[in-house]
Amino acid sequence: MRNEINLTDDQINEIWDDQFNVSDYVEFEASFTRDTLDQILESRNNWQDQGTLFRGKTDIGGHNFIEIERCQAVKGQARKTVRVIDFGTVRAIQES
């Protein structure tokens, strides 16, 4: 799916770093999905702790994104921050 994003790794890294202060999306094991932002938010309704949601557009490129802080999908799992950037047909997801 990564090959469907018409940006270089350096360009994607620049977007992640500028928006979320995550300097290397590859290092942080970003994954990719065809689920839309709305589908991700709909599944969030079933999470143990839905966390705090932020929505916006990236400063570089104007891509829609969501960031969910301190969320927990399943009881017993560690809480984490989930960041998703919409690159058109594919969304990139990074969790920390």
PDB file of N, CA and C in Angstrom:
ATOM      1  N   MET A   1       0.820  -1.203   0.000  1.00  0.00           N
ATOM      2  CA  MET A   1       0.000   0.000   0.000  1.00  0.00           C
ATOM      3  C   MET A   1       0.862   1.265   0.000  1.00  0.00           C
ATOM      4  N   ARG A   2       2.038   1.186   0.599  1.00  0.00           N
ATOM      5  CA  ARG A   2       2.923   2.355   0.664  1.00  0.00           C
ATOM      6  C   ARG A   2       3.167   2.935  -0.731  1.00  0.00           C
ATOM      7  N   ASN A   3       3.268   2.055  -1.738  1.00  0.00           N
ATOM      8  CA  ASN A   3       3.569   2.527  -3.087  1.00  0.00           C
ATOM      9  C   ASN A   3       2.440   3.351  -3.701  1.00  0.00           C
ATOM     10  N   GLU A   4       1.261   3.387  -3.085  1.00  0.00           N
ATOM     11  CA  GLU A   4       0.156   4.199  -3.582  1.00  0.00           C
ATOM     12  C   GLU A   4       0.249   5.656  -3.133  1.00  0.00           C
ATOM     13  N   ILE A   5       1.169   5.938  -2.227  1.00  0.00           N
ATOM     14  CA  ILE A   5       1.384   7.317  -1.778  1.00  0.00           C
ATOM     15  C   ILE A   5       2.464   7.917  -2.670  1.00  0.00           C
ATOM     16  N   ASN A   6       2.097   8.938  -3.420  1.00  0.00           N
ATOM     17  CA  ASN A   6       3.007   9.527  -4.399  1.00  0.00           C
ATOM     18  C   ASN A   6       3.953  10.537  -3.767  1.00  0.00           C
ATOM     19  N   LEU A   7       4.573  10.138  -2.676  1.00  0.00           N
ATOM     20  CA  LEU A   7       5.563  10.962  -1.981  1.00  0.00           C
ATOM     21  C   LEU A   7       6.748  10.068  -1.634  1.00  0.00           C
ATOM     22  N   THR A   8       7.921  10.673  -1.539  1.00  0.00           N
ATOM     23  CA  THR A   8       9.093   9.912  -1.107  1.00  0.00           C
ATOM     24  C   THR A   8       9.032   9.707   0.397  1.00  0.00           C
ATOM     25  N   ASP A   9       9.836   8.763   0.899  1.00  0.00           N
ATOM     26  CA  ASP A   9       9.916   8.575   2.347  1.00  0.00           C
ATOM     27  C   ASP A   9      10.340   9.860   3.033  1.00  0.00           C
ATOM     28  N   ASP A  10      11.274  10.595   2.441  1.00  0.00           N
ATOM     29  CA  ASP A  10      11.721  11.866   3.038  1.00  0.00           C
ATOM     30  C   ASP A  10      10.578  12.867   3.134  1.00  0.00           C
ATOM     31  N   GLN A  11       9.727  12.935   2.108  1.00  0.00           N
ATOM     32  CA  GLN A  11       8.589  13.865   2.145  1.00  0.00           C
ATOM     33  C   GLN A  11       7.578  13.446   3.215  1.00  0.00           C
ATOM     34  N   ILE A  12       7.329  12.143   3.323  1.00  0.00           N
ATOM     35  CA  ILE A  12       6.407  11.663   4.350  1.00  0.00           C
ATOM     36  C   ILE A  12       6.988  11.917   5.733  1.00  0.00           C
ATOM     37  N   ASN A  13       8.282  11.675   5.907  1.00  0.00           N
ATOM     38  CA  ASN A  13       8.945  11.958   7.189  1.00  0.00           C
ATOM     39  C   ASN A  13       8.796  13.423   7.564  1.00  0.00           C
ATOM     40  N   GLU A  14       8.930  14.305   6.579  1.00  0.00           N
ATOM     41  CA  GLU A  14       8.807  15.743   6.841  1.00  0.00           C
ATOM     42  C   GLU A  14       7.406  16.081   7.358  1.00  0.00           C
ATOM     43  N   ILE A  15       6.388  15.451   6.777  1.00  0.00           N
ATOM     44  CA  ILE A  15       5.010  15.685   7.225  1.00  0.00           C
ATOM     45  C   ILE A  15       4.823  15.193   8.655  1.00  0.00           C
ATOM     46  N   TRP A  16       5.284  13.957   8.952  1.00  0.00           N
ATOM     47  CA  TRP A  16       5.153  13.418  10.310  1.00  0.00           C
ATOM     48  C   TRP A  16       5.875  14.302  11.313  1.00  0.00           C
ATOM     49  N   ASP A  17       7.103  14.698  10.981  1.00  0.00           N
ATOM     50  CA  ASP A  17       7.913  15.498  11.900  1.00  0.00           C
ATOM     51  C   ASP A  17       7.275  16.859  12.143  1.00  0.00           C
ATOM     52  N   ASP A  18       6.820  17.495  11.071  1.00  0.00           N
ATOM     53  CA  ASP A  18       6.228  18.824  11.201  1.00  0.00           C
ATOM     54  C   ASP A  18       4.933  18.780  12.010  1.00  0.00           C
ATOM     55  N   GLN A  19       4.107  17.771  11.765  1.00  0.00           N
ATOM     56  CA  GLN A  19       2.790  17.728  12.412  1.00  0.00           C
ATOM     57  C   GLN A  19       2.831  17.146  13.813  1.00  0.00           C
ATOM     58  N   PHE A  20       3.637  16.091  14.023  1.00  0.00           N
ATOM     59  CA  PHE A  20       3.573  15.343  15.277  1.00  0.00           C
ATOM     60  C   PHE A  20       4.904  15.270  16.012  1.00  0.00           C
ATOM     61  N   ASN A  21       5.944  15.890  15.456  1.00  0.00           N
ATOM     62  CA  ASN A  21       7.286  15.818  16.037  1.00  0.00           C
ATOM     63  C   ASN A  21       7.767  14.366  16.125  1.00  0.00           C
ATOM     64  N   VAL A  22       7.408  13.577  15.114  1.00  0.00           N
ATOM     65  CA  VAL A  22       7.883  12.206  14.962  1.00  0.00           C
ATOM     66  C   VAL A  22       8.809  12.242  13.762  1.00  0.00           C
ATOM     67  N   SER A  23      10.112  12.120  14.008  1.00  0.00           N
ATOM     68  CA  SER A  23      11.083  12.416  12.962  1.00  0.00           C
ATOM     69  C   SER A  23      11.215  11.334  11.902  1.00  0.00           C
ATOM     70  N   ASP A  24      10.796  10.117  12.163  1.00  0.00           N
ATOM     71  CA  ASP A  24      10.965   9.067  11.160  1.00  0.00           C
ATOM     72  C   ASP A  24       9.827   8.074  11.264  1.00  0.00           C
ATOM     73  N   TYR A  25       8.840   8.223  10.364  1.00  0.00           N
ATOM     74  CA  TYR A  25       7.667   7.350  10.453  1.00  0.00           C
ATOM     75  C   TYR A  25       8.039   5.889  10.226  1.00  0.00           C
ATOM     76  N   VAL A  26       9.091   5.619   9.447  1.00  0.00           N
ATOM     77  CA  VAL A  26       9.526   4.237   9.217  1.00  0.00           C
ATOM     78  C   VAL A  26      10.083   3.655  10.512  1.00  0.00           C
ATOM     79  N   GLU A  27      10.911   4.436  11.205  1.00  0.00           N
ATOM     80  CA  GLU A  27      11.499   3.984  12.472  1.00  0.00           C
ATOM     81  C   GLU A  27      10.412   3.646  13.482  1.00  0.00           C
ATOM     82  N   PHE A  28       9.313   4.383  13.453  1.00  0.00           N
ATOM     83  CA  PHE A  28       8.232   4.158  14.405  1.00  0.00           C
ATOM     84  C   PHE A  28       7.202   3.165  13.864  1.00  0.00           C
ATOM     85  N   GLU A  29       7.598   2.409  12.850  1.00  0.00           N
ATOM     86  CA  GLU A  29       6.799   1.314  12.317  1.00  0.00           C
ATOM     87  C   GLU A  29       5.384   1.725  11.927  1.00  0.00           C
ATOM     88  N   ALA A  30       5.311   2.707  11.053  1.00  0.00           N
ATOM     89  CA  ALA A  30       4.006   3.084  10.520  1.00  0.00           C
ATOM     90  C   ALA A  30       3.434   1.918   9.735  1.00  0.00           C
ATOM     91  N   SER A  31       2.126   1.781   9.806  1.00  0.00           N
ATOM     92  CA  SER A  31       1.439   0.778   9.000  1.00  0.00           C
ATOM     93  C   SER A  31       0.455   1.511   8.095  1.00  0.00           C
ATOM     94  N   PHE A  32      -0.139   0.780   7.189  1.00  0.00           N
ATOM     95  CA  PHE A  32      -1.019   1.399   6.209  1.00  0.00           C
ATOM     96  C   PHE A  32      -2.340   0.653   6.161  1.00  0.00           C
ATOM     97  N   THR A  33      -3.407   1.393   5.865  1.00  0.00           N
ATOM     98  CA  THR A  33      -4.741   0.804   5.804  1.00  0.00           C
ATOM     99  C   THR A  33      -5.566   1.496   4.740  1.00  0.00           C
ATOM    100  N   ARG A  34      -6.557   0.788   4.241  1.00  0.00           N
ATOM    101  CA  ARG A  34      -7.529   1.401   3.333  1.00  0.00           C
ATOM    102  C   ARG A  34      -8.754   1.901   4.105  1.00  0.00           C
ATOM    103  N   ASP A  35      -8.848   1.583   5.401  1.00  0.00           N
ATOM    104  CA  ASP A  35      -9.945   2.106   6.220  1.00  0.00           C
ATOM    105  C   ASP A  35      -9.908   3.624   6.175  1.00  0.00           C
ATOM    106  N   THR A  36     -11.072   4.228   6.024  1.00  0.00           N
ATOM    107  CA  THR A  36     -11.146   5.686   6.020  1.00  0.00           C
ATOM    108  C   THR A  36     -11.016   6.218   7.445  1.00  0.00           C
ATOM    109  N   LEU A  37     -10.779   7.518   7.559  1.00  0.00           N
ATOM    110  CA  LEU A  37     -10.725   8.132   8.889  1.00  0.00           C
ATOM    111  C   LEU A  37     -12.045   7.915   9.614  1.00  0.00           C
ATOM    112  N   ASP A  38     -13.155   8.052   8.898  1.00  0.00           N
ATOM    113  CA  ASP A  38     -14.473   7.847   9.522  1.00  0.00           C
ATOM    114  C   ASP A  38     -14.639   6.407  10.010  1.00  0.00           C
ATOM    115  N   GLN A  39     -14.154   5.435   9.253  1.00  0.00           N
ATOM    116  CA  GLN A  39     -14.238   4.041   9.687  1.00  0.00           C
ATOM    117  C   GLN A  39     -13.385   3.803  10.933  1.00  0.00           C
ATOM    118  N   ILE A  40     -12.223   4.419  10.975  1.00  0.00           N
ATOM    119  CA  ILE A  40     -11.365   4.288  12.162  1.00  0.00           C
ATOM    120  C   ILE A  40     -12.056   4.899  13.369  1.00  0.00           C
ATOM    121  N   LEU A  41     -12.663   6.070  13.181  1.00  0.00           N
ATOM    122  CA  LEU A  41     -13.357   6.722  14.290  1.00  0.00           C
ATOM    123  C   LEU A  41     -14.580   5.919  14.724  1.00  0.00           C
ATOM    124  N   GLU A  42     -15.249   5.277  13.777  1.00  0.00           N
ATOM    125  CA  GLU A  42     -16.401   4.444  14.130  1.00  0.00           C
ATOM    126  C   GLU A  42     -15.957   3.255  14.983  1.00  0.00           C
ATOM    127  N   SER A  43     -14.837   2.631  14.621  1.00  0.00           N
ATOM    128  CA  SER A  43     -14.358   1.489  15.421  1.00  0.00           C
ATOM    129  C   SER A  43     -13.907   1.953  16.799  1.00  0.00           C
ATOM    130  N   ARG A  44     -13.455   3.194  16.896  1.00  0.00           N
ATOM    131  CA  ARG A  44     -13.032   3.772  18.181  1.00  0.00           C
ATOM    132  C   ARG A  44     -14.171   3.748  19.204  1.00  0.00           C
ATOM    133  N   ASN A  45     -15.405   3.807  18.726  1.00  0.00           N
ATOM    134  CA  ASN A  45     -16.565   3.780  19.630  1.00  0.00           C
ATOM    135  C   ASN A  45     -16.614   2.510  20.468  1.00  0.00           C
ATOM    136  N   ASN A  46     -15.947   1.451  20.019  1.00  0.00           N
ATOM    137  CA  ASN A  46     -15.955   0.175  20.744  1.00  0.00           C
ATOM    138  C   ASN A  46     -14.706  -0.027  21.596  1.00  0.00           C
ATOM    139  N   TRP A  47     -13.810   0.939  21.626  1.00  0.00           N
ATOM    140  CA  TRP A  47     -12.577   0.804  22.406  1.00  0.00           C
ATOM    141  C   TRP A  47     -12.872   0.937  23.896  1.00  0.00           C
ATOM    142  N   GLN A  48     -12.030   0.339  24.703  1.00  0.00           N
ATOM    143  CA  GLN A  48     -12.157   0.426  26.162  1.00  0.00           C
ATOM    144  C   GLN A  48     -12.082   1.879  26.621  1.00  0.00           C
ATOM    145  N   ASP A  49     -11.081   2.625  26.133  1.00  0.00           N
ATOM    146  CA  ASP A  49     -10.923   4.044  26.451  1.00  0.00           C
ATOM    147  C   ASP A  49     -10.697   4.773  25.138  1.00  0.00           C
ATOM    148  N   GLN A  50     -11.632   5.635  24.777  1.00  0.00           N
ATOM    149  CA  GLN A  50     -11.582   6.289  23.473  1.00  0.00           C
ATOM    150  C   GLN A  50     -10.536   7.393  23.381  1.00  0.00           C
ATOM    151  N   GLY A  51      -9.934   7.774  24.482  1.00  0.00           N
ATOM    152  CA  GLY A  51      -8.891   8.798  24.465  1.00  0.00           C
ATOM    153  C   GLY A  51      -9.416  10.160  24.050  1.00  0.00           C
ATOM    154  N   THR A  52      -8.489  11.057  23.765  1.00  0.00           N
ATOM    155  CA  THR A  52      -8.811  12.431  23.367  1.00  0.00           C
ATOM    156  C   THR A  52      -8.518  12.583  21.880  1.00  0.00           C
ATOM    157  N   LEU A  53      -9.515  13.031  21.121  1.00  0.00           N
ATOM    158  CA  LEU A  53      -9.424  13.117  19.667  1.00  0.00           C
ATOM    159  C   LEU A  53      -9.070  14.531  19.225  1.00  0.00           C
ATOM    160  N   PHE A  54      -8.126  14.601  18.289  1.00  0.00           N
ATOM    161  CA  PHE A  54      -7.790  15.838  17.592  1.00  0.00           C
ATOM    162  C   PHE A  54      -7.899  15.558  16.099  1.00  0.00           C
ATOM    163  N   ARG A  55      -8.516  16.494  15.368  1.00  0.00           N
ATOM    164  CA  ARG A  55      -8.654  16.375  13.910  1.00  0.00           C
ATOM    165  C   ARG A  55      -8.092  17.627  13.277  1.00  0.00           C
ATOM    166  N   GLY A  56      -7.579  17.479  12.070  1.00  0.00           N
ATOM    167  CA  GLY A  56      -7.097  18.652  11.361  1.00  0.00           C
ATOM    168  C   GLY A  56      -6.528  18.302  10.007  1.00  0.00           C
ATOM    169  N   LYS A  57      -5.796  19.271   9.464  1.00  0.00           N
ATOM    170  CA  LYS A  57      -5.075  19.097   8.207  1.00  0.00           C
ATOM    171  C   LYS A  57      -3.607  19.368   8.473  1.00  0.00           C
ATOM    172  N   THR A  58      -2.746  18.575   7.845  1.00  0.00           N
ATOM    173  CA  THR A  58      -1.312  18.785   8.029  1.00  0.00           C
ATOM    174  C   THR A  58      -0.920  20.133   7.441  1.00  0.00           C
ATOM    175  N   ASP A  59       0.051  20.774   8.058  1.00  0.00           N
ATOM    176  CA  ASP A  59       0.536  22.060   7.560  1.00  0.00           C
ATOM    177  C   ASP A  59       1.203  21.889   6.202  1.00  0.00           C
ATOM    178  N   ILE A  60       1.875  20.759   6.008  1.00  0.00           N
ATOM    179  CA  ILE A  60       2.522  20.460   4.734  1.00  0.00           C
ATOM    180  C   ILE A  60       1.599  19.543   3.940  1.00  0.00           C
ATOM    181  N   GLY A  61       1.130  20.003   2.816  1.00  0.00           N
ATOM    182  CA  GLY A  61       0.312  19.167   1.934  1.00  0.00           C
ATOM    183  C   GLY A  61      -1.182  19.191   2.199  1.00  0.00           C
ATOM    184  N   GLY A  62      -1.603  19.659   3.375  1.00  0.00           N
ATOM    185  CA  GLY A  62      -3.028  19.760   3.684  1.00  0.00           C
ATOM    186  C   GLY A  62      -3.754  18.424   3.751  1.00  0.00           C
ATOM    187  N   HIS A  63      -3.062  17.381   4.217  1.00  0.00           N
ATOM    188  CA  HIS A  63      -3.675  16.061   4.349  1.00  0.00           C
ATOM    189  C   HIS A  63      -4.514  16.008   5.624  1.00  0.00           C
ATOM    190  N   ASN A  64      -5.706  15.427   5.550  1.00  0.00           N
ATOM    191  CA  ASN A  64      -6.516  15.240   6.748  1.00  0.00           C
ATOM    192  C   ASN A  64      -5.817  14.267   7.684  1.00  0.00           C
ATOM    193  N   PHE A  65      -5.959  14.518   8.978  1.00  0.00           N
ATOM    194  CA  PHE A  65      -5.373  13.604   9.959  1.00  0.00           C
ATOM    195  C   PHE A  65      -6.236  13.546  11.203  1.00  0.00           C
ATOM    196  N   ILE A  66      -6.027  12.476  11.970  1.00  0.00           N
ATOM    197  CA  ILE A  66      -6.566  12.387  13.317  1.00  0.00           C
ATOM    198  C   ILE A  66      -5.435  11.969  14.246  1.00  0.00           C
ATOM    199  N   GLU A  67      -5.528  12.426  15.471  1.00  0.00           N
ATOM    200  CA  GLU A  67      -4.612  12.001  16.531  1.00  0.00           C
ATOM    201  C   GLU A  67      -5.462  11.699  17.746  1.00  0.00           C
ATOM    202  N   ILE A  68      -5.276  10.515  18.308  1.00  0.00           N
ATOM    203  CA  ILE A  68      -6.051  10.102  19.469  1.00  0.00           C
ATOM    204  C   ILE A  68      -5.061   9.817  20.595  1.00  0.00           C
ATOM    205  N   GLU A  69      -5.092  10.657  21.614  1.00  0.00           N
ATOM    206  CA  GLU A  69      -4.143  10.534  22.720  1.00  0.00           C
ATOM    207  C   GLU A  69      -4.710   9.669  23.835  1.00  0.00           C
ATOM    208  N   ARG A  70      -3.833   8.876  24.433  1.00  0.00           N
ATOM    209  CA  ARG A  70      -4.137   8.047  25.601  1.00  0.00           C
ATOM    210  C   ARG A  70      -5.367   7.173  25.391  1.00  0.00           C
ATOM    211  N   CYS A  71      -5.398   6.475  24.271  1.00  0.00           N
ATOM    212  CA  CYS A  71      -6.508   5.568  24.002  1.00  0.00           C
ATOM    213  C   CYS A  71      -6.103   4.133  24.335  1.00  0.00           C
ATOM    214  N   GLN A  72      -7.114   3.300  24.533  1.00  0.00           N
ATOM    215  CA  GLN A  72      -6.896   1.895  24.879  1.00  0.00           C
ATOM    216  C   GLN A  72      -7.966   1.076  24.162  1.00  0.00           C
ATOM    217  N   ALA A  73      -7.536   0.281  23.193  1.00  0.00           N
ATOM    218  CA  ALA A  73      -8.500  -0.501  22.417  1.00  0.00           C
ATOM    219  C   ALA A  73      -9.117  -1.616  23.259  1.00  0.00           C
ATOM    220  N   VAL A  74      -8.278  -2.302  24.024  1.00  0.00           N
ATOM    221  CA  VAL A  74      -8.736  -3.451  24.806  1.00  0.00           C
ATOM    222  C   VAL A  74      -8.242  -3.301  26.239  1.00  0.00           C
ATOM    223  N   LYS A  75      -9.113  -3.597  27.195  1.00  0.00           N
ATOM    224  CA  LYS A  75      -8.734  -3.538  28.603  1.00  0.00           C
ATOM    225  C   LYS A  75      -7.495  -4.402  28.839  1.00  0.00           C
ATOM    226  N   GLY A  76      -6.554  -3.855  29.583  1.00  0.00           N
ATOM    227  CA  GLY A  76      -5.317  -4.561  29.884  1.00  0.00           C
ATOM    228  C   GLY A  76      -4.156  -4.148  28.996  1.00  0.00           C
ATOM    229  N   GLN A  77      -4.457  -3.584  27.823  1.00  0.00           N
ATOM    230  CA  GLN A  77      -3.392  -3.083  26.958  1.00  0.00           C
ATOM    231  C   GLN A  77      -2.925  -1.722  27.468  1.00  0.00           C
ATOM    232  N   ALA A  78      -1.701  -1.389  27.126  1.00  0.00           N
ATOM    233  CA  ALA A  78      -1.173  -0.071  27.491  1.00  0.00           C
ATOM    234  C   ALA A  78      -1.913   1.010  26.688  1.00  0.00           C
ATOM    235  N   ARG A  79      -2.105   2.156  27.319  1.00  0.00           N
ATOM    236  CA  ARG A  79      -2.676   3.288  26.591  1.00  0.00           C
ATOM    237  C   ARG A  79      -1.611   3.831  25.648  1.00  0.00           C
ATOM    238  N   LYS A  80      -2.062   4.354  24.524  1.00  0.00           N
ATOM    239  CA  LYS A  80      -1.114   4.859  23.542  1.00  0.00           C
ATOM    240  C   LYS A  80      -1.733   6.007  22.768  1.00  0.00           C
ATOM    241  N   THR A  81      -0.900   6.656  21.977  1.00  0.00           N
ATOM    242  CA  THR A  81      -1.359   7.698  21.069  1.00  0.00           C
ATOM    243  C   THR A  81      -1.347   7.120  19.663  1.00  0.00           C
ATOM    244  N   VAL A  82      -2.448   7.307  18.950  1.00  0.00           N
ATOM    245  CA  VAL A  82      -2.583   6.821  17.579  1.00  0.00           C
ATOM    246  C   VAL A  82      -2.689   8.030  16.659  1.00  0.00           C
ATOM    247  N   ARG A  83      -1.847   8.039  15.620  1.00  0.00           N
ATOM    248  CA  ARG A  83      -1.855   9.125  14.640  1.00  0.00           C
ATOM    249  C   ARG A  83      -2.128   8.524  13.272  1.00  0.00           C
ATOM    250  N   VAL A  84      -3.049   9.143  12.527  1.00  0.00           N
ATOM    251  CA  VAL A  84      -3.404   8.645  11.197  1.00  0.00           C
ATOM    252  C   VAL A  84      -3.430   9.821  10.241  1.00  0.00           C
ATOM    253  N   ILE A  85      -2.699   9.692   9.121  1.00  0.00           N
ATOM    254  CA  ILE A  85      -2.717  10.712   8.077  1.00  0.00           C
ATOM    255  C   ILE A  85      -3.341  10.091   6.838  1.00  0.00           C
ATOM    256  N   ASP A  86      -4.272  10.831   6.240  1.00  0.00           N
ATOM    257  CA  ASP A  86      -4.978  10.379   5.052  1.00  0.00           C
ATOM    258  C   ASP A  86      -4.221  10.843   3.807  1.00  0.00           C
ATOM    259  N   PHE A  87      -3.696   9.874   3.052  1.00  0.00           N
ATOM    260  CA  PHE A  87      -2.971  10.183   1.824  1.00  0.00           C
ATOM    261  C   PHE A  87      -3.787   9.817   0.585  1.00  0.00           C
ATOM    262  N   GLY A  88      -5.094   9.893   0.669  1.00  0.00           N
ATOM    263  CA  GLY A  88      -5.944   9.598  -0.484  1.00  0.00           C
ATOM    264  C   GLY A  88      -6.551   8.217  -0.370  1.00  0.00           C
ATOM    265  N   THR A  89      -6.019   7.264  -1.131  1.00  0.00           N
ATOM    266  CA  THR A  89      -6.566   5.907  -1.103  1.00  0.00           C
ATOM    267  C   THR A  89      -6.020   5.096   0.055  1.00  0.00           C
ATOM    268  N   VAL A  90      -4.995   5.624   0.727  1.00  0.00           N
ATOM    269  CA  VAL A  90      -4.302   4.903   1.800  1.00  0.00           C
ATOM    270  C   VAL A  90      -4.119   5.840   2.991  1.00  0.00           C
ATOM    271  N   ARG A  91      -4.265   5.277   4.186  1.00  0.00           N
ATOM    272  CA  ARG A  91      -3.974   6.021   5.415  1.00  0.00           C
ATOM    273  C   ARG A  91      -2.742   5.397   6.068  1.00  0.00           C
ATOM    274  N   ALA A  92      -1.852   6.253   6.579  1.00  0.00           N
ATOM    275  CA  ALA A  92      -0.677   5.804   7.318  1.00  0.00           C
ATOM    276  C   ALA A  92      -0.987   5.952   8.803  1.00  0.00           C
ATOM    277  N   ILE A  93      -0.653   4.918   9.578  1.00  0.00           N
ATOM    278  CA  ILE A  93      -0.960   4.884  11.007  1.00  0.00           C
ATOM    279  C   ILE A  93       0.337   4.694  11.779  1.00  0.00           C
ATOM    280  N   GLN A  94       0.486   5.468  12.849  1.00  0.00           N
ATOM    281  CA  GLN A  94       1.651   5.326  13.731  1.00  0.00           C
ATOM    282  C   GLN A  94       1.119   5.351  15.161  1.00  0.00           C
ATOM    283  N   GLU A  95       1.615   4.425  15.970  1.00  0.00           N
ATOM    284  CA  GLU A  95       1.197   4.335  17.376  1.00  0.00           C
ATOM    285  C   GLU A  95       2.427   4.478  18.265  1.00  0.00           C
ATOM    286  N   SER A  96       2.244   5.151  19.383  1.00  0.00           N
ATOM    287  CA  SER A  96       3.354   5.253  20.352  1.00  0.00           C
ATOM    288  C   SER A  96       2.800   5.290  21.762  1.00  0.00           C
TER     289      SER A  96
END
